[in-house]
């Protein structure tokens, strides 16, 4: 008898905001060749000799600001969506895993197989594909089955950036906001990646642009821009940068903006601190007057309903 499971996978978070836990998490994350493609001979000495001796303390202070009841938003919202989806699929086993930290992907898959699961649908919780995120998950999932005969029916969801339910969610949220006010601009901010990754074939920016255009096609004629955030390291990343754009907009007469980050399905450090605190401050300090952040799915049941449609299109 077929026994099915669904595994929802996101990036992950440290075990706690303790600098030791943050250091362990960053070491795992930043040593992944999918995330940092620089030669290991060059990168690992930099990572372990410099970055991991400085960055964990700074990151720990930021994680402390978003930690609630000893849990980070990314984990809490993943658990909420696990519960939401389980209600929609009582006959399937719904589990979550994280690329870095816990619960780890191999441990979760091995536990499911040990319980007799014969078919598994893996859904990376990233609307747009990138090798740095979805590709890393694919590698880890496939690695779990290397040199084993415990092969099960496996379905891997690459992306869902153009799914009608995903687009409709943001269209509805924006229309609700536009019904009470008209901003000068709608700003779409996506997590950036190095330009060299795109030159190597990563389709991420194409899917980001398609997302933006599909959402705006359903809205009234209003100015909008697409930017990229979270640059790390000296390499050239996708542009324009969110922070630089927000600093310059007020001088161009843009004083009231709506900002959304549809590449994130849940709030996390990059949205709560980077967008709502740091980038908001850049905008207001340079003459902006109103900054409104449109939240992602978080615990909204619409995400589980979207996953339901992906799993069972009929």
Protein backbone atom coordinates (compact mmCIF):
# COMPACT_ATOMS: atom_id res chain seq x y z
CA UNK A 1 0.00 0.00 0.00
CA UNK A 2 1.30 3.44 -0.99
CA UNK A 3 2.23 5.60 1.99
CA UNK A 4 2.80 9.25 1.09
CA UNK A 5 4.57 12.17 2.75
CA UNK A 6 5.29 15.80 1.96
CA UNK A 7 8.48 17.50 3.09
CA UNK A 8 8.50 21.31 3.30
CA UNK A 9 12.06 22.66 3.33
CA UNK A 10 13.37 26.14 4.08
CA UNK A 11 16.77 27.65 4.82
CA UNK A 12 16.85 27.15 8.59
CA UNK A 13 17.98 29.11 11.63
CA UNK A 14 20.50 28.70 14.44
CA UNK A 15 19.52 26.58 17.44
CA UNK A 16 19.43 29.80 19.49
CA UNK A 17 20.84 33.32 19.44
CA UNK A 18 23.83 32.16 21.47
CA UNK A 19 26.95 33.15 19.46
CA UNK A 20 28.21 29.55 19.61
CA UNK A 21 25.01 28.29 17.98
CA UNK A 22 25.06 31.11 15.43
CA UNK A 23 28.68 30.29 14.57
CA UNK A 24 27.83 26.62 14.00
CA UNK A 25 24.89 27.58 11.78
CA UNK A 26 26.92 30.09 9.74
CA UNK A 27 29.75 27.59 9.33
CA UNK A 28 27.37 25.06 7.79
CA UNK A 29 25.60 27.64 5.65
CA UNK A 30 28.65 29.49 4.34
CA UNK A 31 30.69 26.36 3.67
CA UNK A 32 28.08 25.05 1.20
CA UNK A 33 29.61 25.19 -2.32
CA UNK A 34 26.16 26.04 -3.68
CA UNK A 35 26.09 29.21 -1.58
CA UNK A 36 29.73 30.27 -1.96
CA UNK A 37 31.25 29.02 -5.23
CA UNK A 38 34.75 30.35 -4.55
CA UNK A 39 37.47 27.68 -4.54
CA UNK A 40 37.53 25.83 -1.20
CA UNK A 41 41.28 26.40 -0.99
CA UNK A 42 40.66 30.14 -1.03
CA UNK A 43 37.31 30.41 0.75
CA UNK A 44 37.59 28.07 3.74
CA UNK A 45 40.67 29.79 5.26
CA UNK A 46 38.82 33.11 4.95
CA UNK A 47 35.66 31.64 6.45
CA UNK A 48 37.28 29.92 9.41
CA UNK A 49 40.17 32.32 9.87
CA UNK A 50 38.26 35.61 9.74
CA UNK A 51 34.51 35.57 9.13
CA UNK A 52 33.55 33.01 11.78
CA UNK A 53 35.64 34.88 14.35
CA UNK A 54 33.77 38.15 13.78
CA UNK A 55 30.35 37.68 12.18
CA UNK A 56 28.68 35.30 14.72
CA UNK A 57 28.65 37.88 17.52
CA UNK A 58 27.14 40.53 15.26
CA UNK A 59 24.58 38.10 13.82
CA UNK A 60 23.72 36.82 17.29
CA UNK A 61 22.67 40.31 18.35
CA UNK A 62 20.36 40.49 15.35
CA UNK A 63 18.90 37.05 15.99
CA UNK A 64 18.18 38.09 19.58
CA UNK A 65 15.87 40.79 18.22
CA UNK A 66 13.67 38.31 16.35
CA UNK A 67 13.79 35.36 18.76
CA UNK A 68 10.45 34.69 20.46
CA UNK A 69 9.84 31.95 23.00
CA UNK A 70 13.24 30.46 22.08
CA UNK A 71 12.21 30.10 18.45
CA UNK A 72 12.92 32.06 15.27
CA UNK A 73 10.17 33.16 12.83
CA UNK A 74 11.38 30.97 9.95
CA UNK A 75 10.98 27.84 12.08
CA UNK A 76 7.75 28.94 13.75
CA UNK A 77 6.07 29.76 10.45
CA UNK A 78 7.27 26.50 8.86
CA UNK A 79 5.66 24.62 11.74
CA UNK A 80 2.46 26.63 11.27
CA UNK A 81 2.34 25.70 7.58
CA UNK A 82 3.03 22.08 8.46
CA UNK A 83 -0.08 22.16 10.66
CA UNK A 84 -2.12 23.98 8.01
CA UNK A 85 -1.18 21.52 5.27
CA UNK A 86 -1.72 18.49 7.50
CA UNK A 87 -5.35 19.58 7.95
CA UNK A 88 -5.75 19.67 4.16
CA UNK A 89 -4.08 16.27 3.69
CA UNK A 90 -4.98 14.10 6.70
CA UNK A 91 -4.07 10.99 4.70
CA UNK A 92 -0.48 12.16 4.06
CA UNK A 93 2.40 12.69 6.47
CA UNK A 94 3.48 16.37 6.45
CA UNK A 95 6.95 17.18 7.78
CA UNK A 96 9.41 20.07 7.70
CA UNK A 97 13.19 20.16 7.34
CA UNK A 98 15.87 22.81 7.00
CA UNK A 99 18.87 23.07 4.69
CA UNK A 100 21.04 24.22 7.58
CA UNK A 101 20.46 23.52 11.26
CA UNK A 102 17.63 21.32 12.45
CA UNK A 103 15.58 19.40 11.57
CA UNK A 104 18.13 18.34 8.95
CA UNK A 105 17.07 17.02 5.54
CA UNK A 106 18.86 13.62 5.65
CA UNK A 107 17.63 12.84 9.16
CA UNK A 108 14.05 13.67 8.27
CA UNK A 109 14.04 11.65 5.04
CA UNK A 110 15.67 8.65 6.71
CA UNK A 111 13.10 8.77 9.50
CA UNK A 112 10.24 8.85 6.98
CA UNK A 113 11.64 5.86 5.10
CA UNK A 114 12.08 3.96 8.36
CA UNK A 115 8.39 4.58 9.08
CA UNK A 116 7.42 3.01 5.76
CA UNK A 117 6.89 6.04 3.53
CA UNK A 118 6.96 4.93 -0.13
CA UNK A 119 6.30 8.25 -1.92
CA UNK A 120 7.68 11.67 -1.05
CA UNK A 121 6.93 15.13 -2.43
CA UNK A 122 9.65 17.68 -1.63
CA UNK A 123 8.65 21.34 -1.71
CA UNK A 124 11.44 23.89 -1.23
CA UNK A 125 9.78 26.93 0.32
CA UNK A 126 11.24 29.31 -2.27
CA UNK A 127 8.94 30.60 -5.03
CA UNK A 128 11.84 31.34 -7.42
CA UNK A 129 14.54 28.81 -8.28
CA UNK A 130 18.18 29.51 -7.48
CA UNK A 131 21.04 27.09 -7.21
CA UNK A 132 21.90 28.75 -3.90
CA UNK A 133 18.58 27.70 -2.36
CA UNK A 134 16.52 25.15 -4.31
CA UNK A 135 19.62 23.67 -5.93
CA UNK A 136 21.21 23.17 -2.52
CA UNK A 137 18.08 21.37 -1.31
CA UNK A 138 18.05 19.15 -4.41
CA UNK A 139 21.68 18.17 -3.79
CA UNK A 140 20.98 17.27 -0.16
CA UNK A 141 17.87 15.26 -0.99
CA UNK A 142 19.61 13.32 -3.76
CA UNK A 143 22.68 12.73 -1.59
CA UNK A 144 20.45 10.97 0.93
CA UNK A 145 19.73 8.25 -1.65
CA UNK A 146 23.26 7.77 -2.99
CA UNK A 147 24.43 4.14 -2.89
CA UNK A 148 21.28 2.87 -1.22
CA UNK A 149 18.56 0.54 -2.45
CA UNK A 150 15.94 2.25 -0.30
CA UNK A 151 14.72 4.28 -3.28
CA UNK A 152 11.17 5.61 -3.04
CA UNK A 153 8.88 7.46 -5.45
CA UNK A 154 10.19 11.01 -5.33
CA UNK A 155 8.69 14.24 -6.64
CA UNK A 156 10.68 17.48 -6.39
CA UNK A 157 9.03 20.89 -6.89
CA UNK A 158 11.52 23.22 -8.60
CA UNK A 159 9.66 26.54 -8.19
CA UNK A 160 6.18 28.05 -8.06
CA UNK A 161 6.82 31.71 -8.94
CA UNK A 162 4.18 31.68 -11.68
CA UNK A 163 1.49 29.64 -9.91
CA UNK A 164 -1.84 31.51 -10.11
CA UNK A 165 -2.50 31.07 -6.38
CA UNK A 166 0.89 32.53 -5.47
CA UNK A 167 0.38 35.55 -7.72
CA UNK A 168 -3.21 36.02 -6.55
CA UNK A 169 -2.10 36.20 -2.91
CA UNK A 170 0.07 39.26 -3.49
CA UNK A 171 -2.37 40.83 -5.93
CA UNK A 172 -5.08 40.67 -3.28
CA UNK A 173 -2.85 42.13 -0.55
CA UNK A 174 -1.76 44.99 -2.78
CA UNK A 175 -5.29 45.73 -3.98
CA UNK A 176 -6.47 45.90 -0.38
CA UNK A 177 -3.76 48.43 0.39
CA UNK A 178 -4.34 50.41 -2.80
CA UNK A 179 -8.04 50.67 -1.96
CA UNK A 180 -7.17 52.99 0.95
CA UNK A 181 -4.16 54.87 -0.43
CA UNK A 182 -2.10 55.36 -3.57
CA UNK A 183 1.65 55.29 -2.97
CA UNK A 184 4.18 56.94 -5.24
CA UNK A 185 5.83 53.59 -5.97
CA UNK A 186 5.65 49.84 -5.32
CA UNK A 187 9.08 48.39 -4.62
CA UNK A 188 9.78 44.67 -5.07
CA UNK A 189 12.83 43.50 -3.12
CA UNK A 190 14.32 40.05 -3.76
CA UNK A 191 17.28 38.41 -2.09
CA UNK A 192 20.29 38.93 -4.34
CA UNK A 193 22.87 36.49 -5.68
CA UNK A 194 26.27 37.10 -7.30
CA UNK A 195 26.12 38.15 -10.94
CA UNK A 196 28.60 35.40 -11.81
CA UNK A 197 26.06 32.75 -10.74
CA UNK A 198 23.62 34.12 -13.31
CA UNK A 199 26.33 34.06 -15.95
CA UNK A 200 26.84 30.38 -15.06
CA UNK A 201 23.18 29.68 -15.83
CA UNK A 202 21.16 30.41 -12.67
CA UNK A 203 17.69 31.52 -13.84
CA UNK A 204 16.81 33.24 -10.56
CA UNK A 205 16.57 36.87 -11.79
CA UNK A 206 14.36 35.82 -14.72
CA UNK A 207 11.91 34.20 -12.31
CA UNK A 208 12.02 37.24 -10.02
CA UNK A 209 11.20 39.53 -12.94
CA UNK A 210 8.41 37.23 -14.10
CA UNK A 211 6.95 37.31 -10.57
CA UNK A 212 6.98 41.10 -10.51
CA UNK A 213 5.41 41.40 -13.94
CA UNK A 214 2.70 38.82 -13.25
CA UNK A 215 1.67 40.65 -10.07
CA UNK A 216 1.73 44.11 -11.63
CA UNK A 217 -0.27 42.92 -14.64
CA UNK A 218 -3.25 42.52 -12.31
CA UNK A 219 -2.94 45.93 -10.67
CA UNK A 220 -3.83 49.50 -11.66
CA UNK A 221 -1.23 51.49 -13.55
CA UNK A 222 1.24 52.53 -10.87
CA UNK A 223 5.03 52.97 -10.92
CA UNK A 224 7.11 50.07 -9.62
CA UNK A 225 10.72 48.99 -9.31
CA UNK A 226 12.50 45.68 -8.73
CA UNK A 227 15.62 45.56 -6.55
CA UNK A 228 17.89 43.05 -4.79
CA UNK A 229 19.02 42.96 -1.17
CA UNK A 230 21.36 41.17 1.27
CA UNK A 231 24.64 41.53 -0.62
CA UNK A 232 27.47 39.56 0.99
CA UNK A 233 31.15 39.90 0.13
CA UNK A 234 33.02 41.96 -2.48
CA UNK A 235 31.76 40.24 -5.65
CA UNK A 236 29.34 41.97 -8.01
CA UNK A 237 25.74 41.07 -7.14
CA UNK A 238 22.45 41.62 -8.94
CA UNK A 239 21.43 45.25 -9.18
CA UNK A 240 19.85 47.66 -8.48
CA UNK A 241 20.45 47.27 -4.74
CA UNK A 242 17.49 47.76 -2.42
CA UNK A 243 19.39 49.89 0.10
CA UNK A 244 20.90 52.25 -2.50
CA UNK A 245 17.53 52.58 -4.23
CA UNK A 246 15.72 53.51 -1.01
CA UNK A 247 18.36 56.13 -0.22
CA UNK A 248 17.92 57.76 -3.63
CA UNK A 249 14.14 57.60 -4.14
CA UNK A 250 13.16 60.63 -1.99
CA UNK A 251 15.44 62.90 -4.06
CA UNK A 252 13.43 61.78 -7.09
CA UNK A 253 10.15 62.80 -5.51
CA UNK A 254 9.16 59.35 -4.26
CA UNK A 255 8.08 59.90 -0.65
CA UNK A 256 5.45 57.19 -0.12
CA UNK A 257 6.20 53.56 -1.01
CA UNK A 258 4.78 50.08 -0.62
CA UNK A 259 7.52 47.47 -0.29
CA UNK A 260 7.10 43.72 -0.63
CA UNK A 261 9.57 40.84 -0.77
CA UNK A 262 7.78 38.03 -2.63
CA UNK A 263 10.87 35.83 -2.70
CA UNK A 264 10.37 35.16 1.01
CA UNK A 265 7.39 33.04 2.06
CA UNK A 266 7.97 33.96 5.72
CA UNK A 267 9.46 36.85 7.63
CA UNK A 268 13.02 36.32 8.81
CA UNK A 269 16.17 38.27 9.58
CA UNK A 270 16.32 39.65 6.04
CA UNK A 271 12.82 41.11 6.20
CA UNK A 272 12.31 41.98 9.89
CA UNK A 273 15.71 43.60 10.44
CA UNK A 274 17.10 44.35 7.00
CA UNK A 275 13.93 45.67 5.37
CA UNK A 276 11.66 46.85 8.18
CA UNK A 277 14.41 48.43 10.27
CA UNK A 278 17.57 49.18 8.29
CA UNK A 279 16.15 49.91 4.83
CA UNK A 280 13.14 51.75 6.22
CA UNK A 281 15.57 54.01 8.08
CA UNK A 282 17.54 54.68 4.88
CA UNK A 283 14.36 55.80 3.15
CA UNK A 284 13.08 58.03 5.96
CA UNK A 285 16.49 59.53 6.77
CA UNK A 286 16.86 60.64 3.15
CA UNK A 287 13.54 62.42 2.95
CA UNK A 288 10.99 59.65 2.58
CA UNK A 289 7.70 60.12 4.42
CA UNK A 290 5.84 56.81 4.44
CA UNK A 291 7.21 53.27 4.20
CA UNK A 292 4.71 50.40 4.24
CA UNK A 293 5.91 46.80 4.25
CA UNK A 294 3.58 44.16 2.80
CA UNK A 295 4.17 40.92 4.71
CA UNK A 296 4.60 37.51 3.04
CA UNK A 297 2.51 34.41 3.80
CA UNK A 298 3.97 33.70 7.25
CA UNK A 299 1.29 31.53 8.90
CA UNK A 300 -1.52 32.39 6.48
CA UNK A 301 -3.49 29.38 5.34
CA UNK A 302 -3.25 30.56 1.72
CA UNK A 303 0.26 29.10 1.54
CA UNK A 304 -0.95 25.65 2.57
CA UNK A 305 -3.75 25.97 0.01
CA UNK A 306 -1.15 26.85 -2.63
CA UNK A 307 0.90 23.78 -1.69
CA UNK A 308 -2.28 21.71 -1.83
CA UNK A 309 -2.84 22.81 -5.44
CA UNK A 310 0.79 22.03 -6.30
CA UNK A 311 0.60 18.56 -4.76
CA UNK A 312 -2.78 17.72 -6.22
CA UNK A 313 -3.55 19.93 -9.25
CA UNK A 314 -6.82 18.11 -9.89
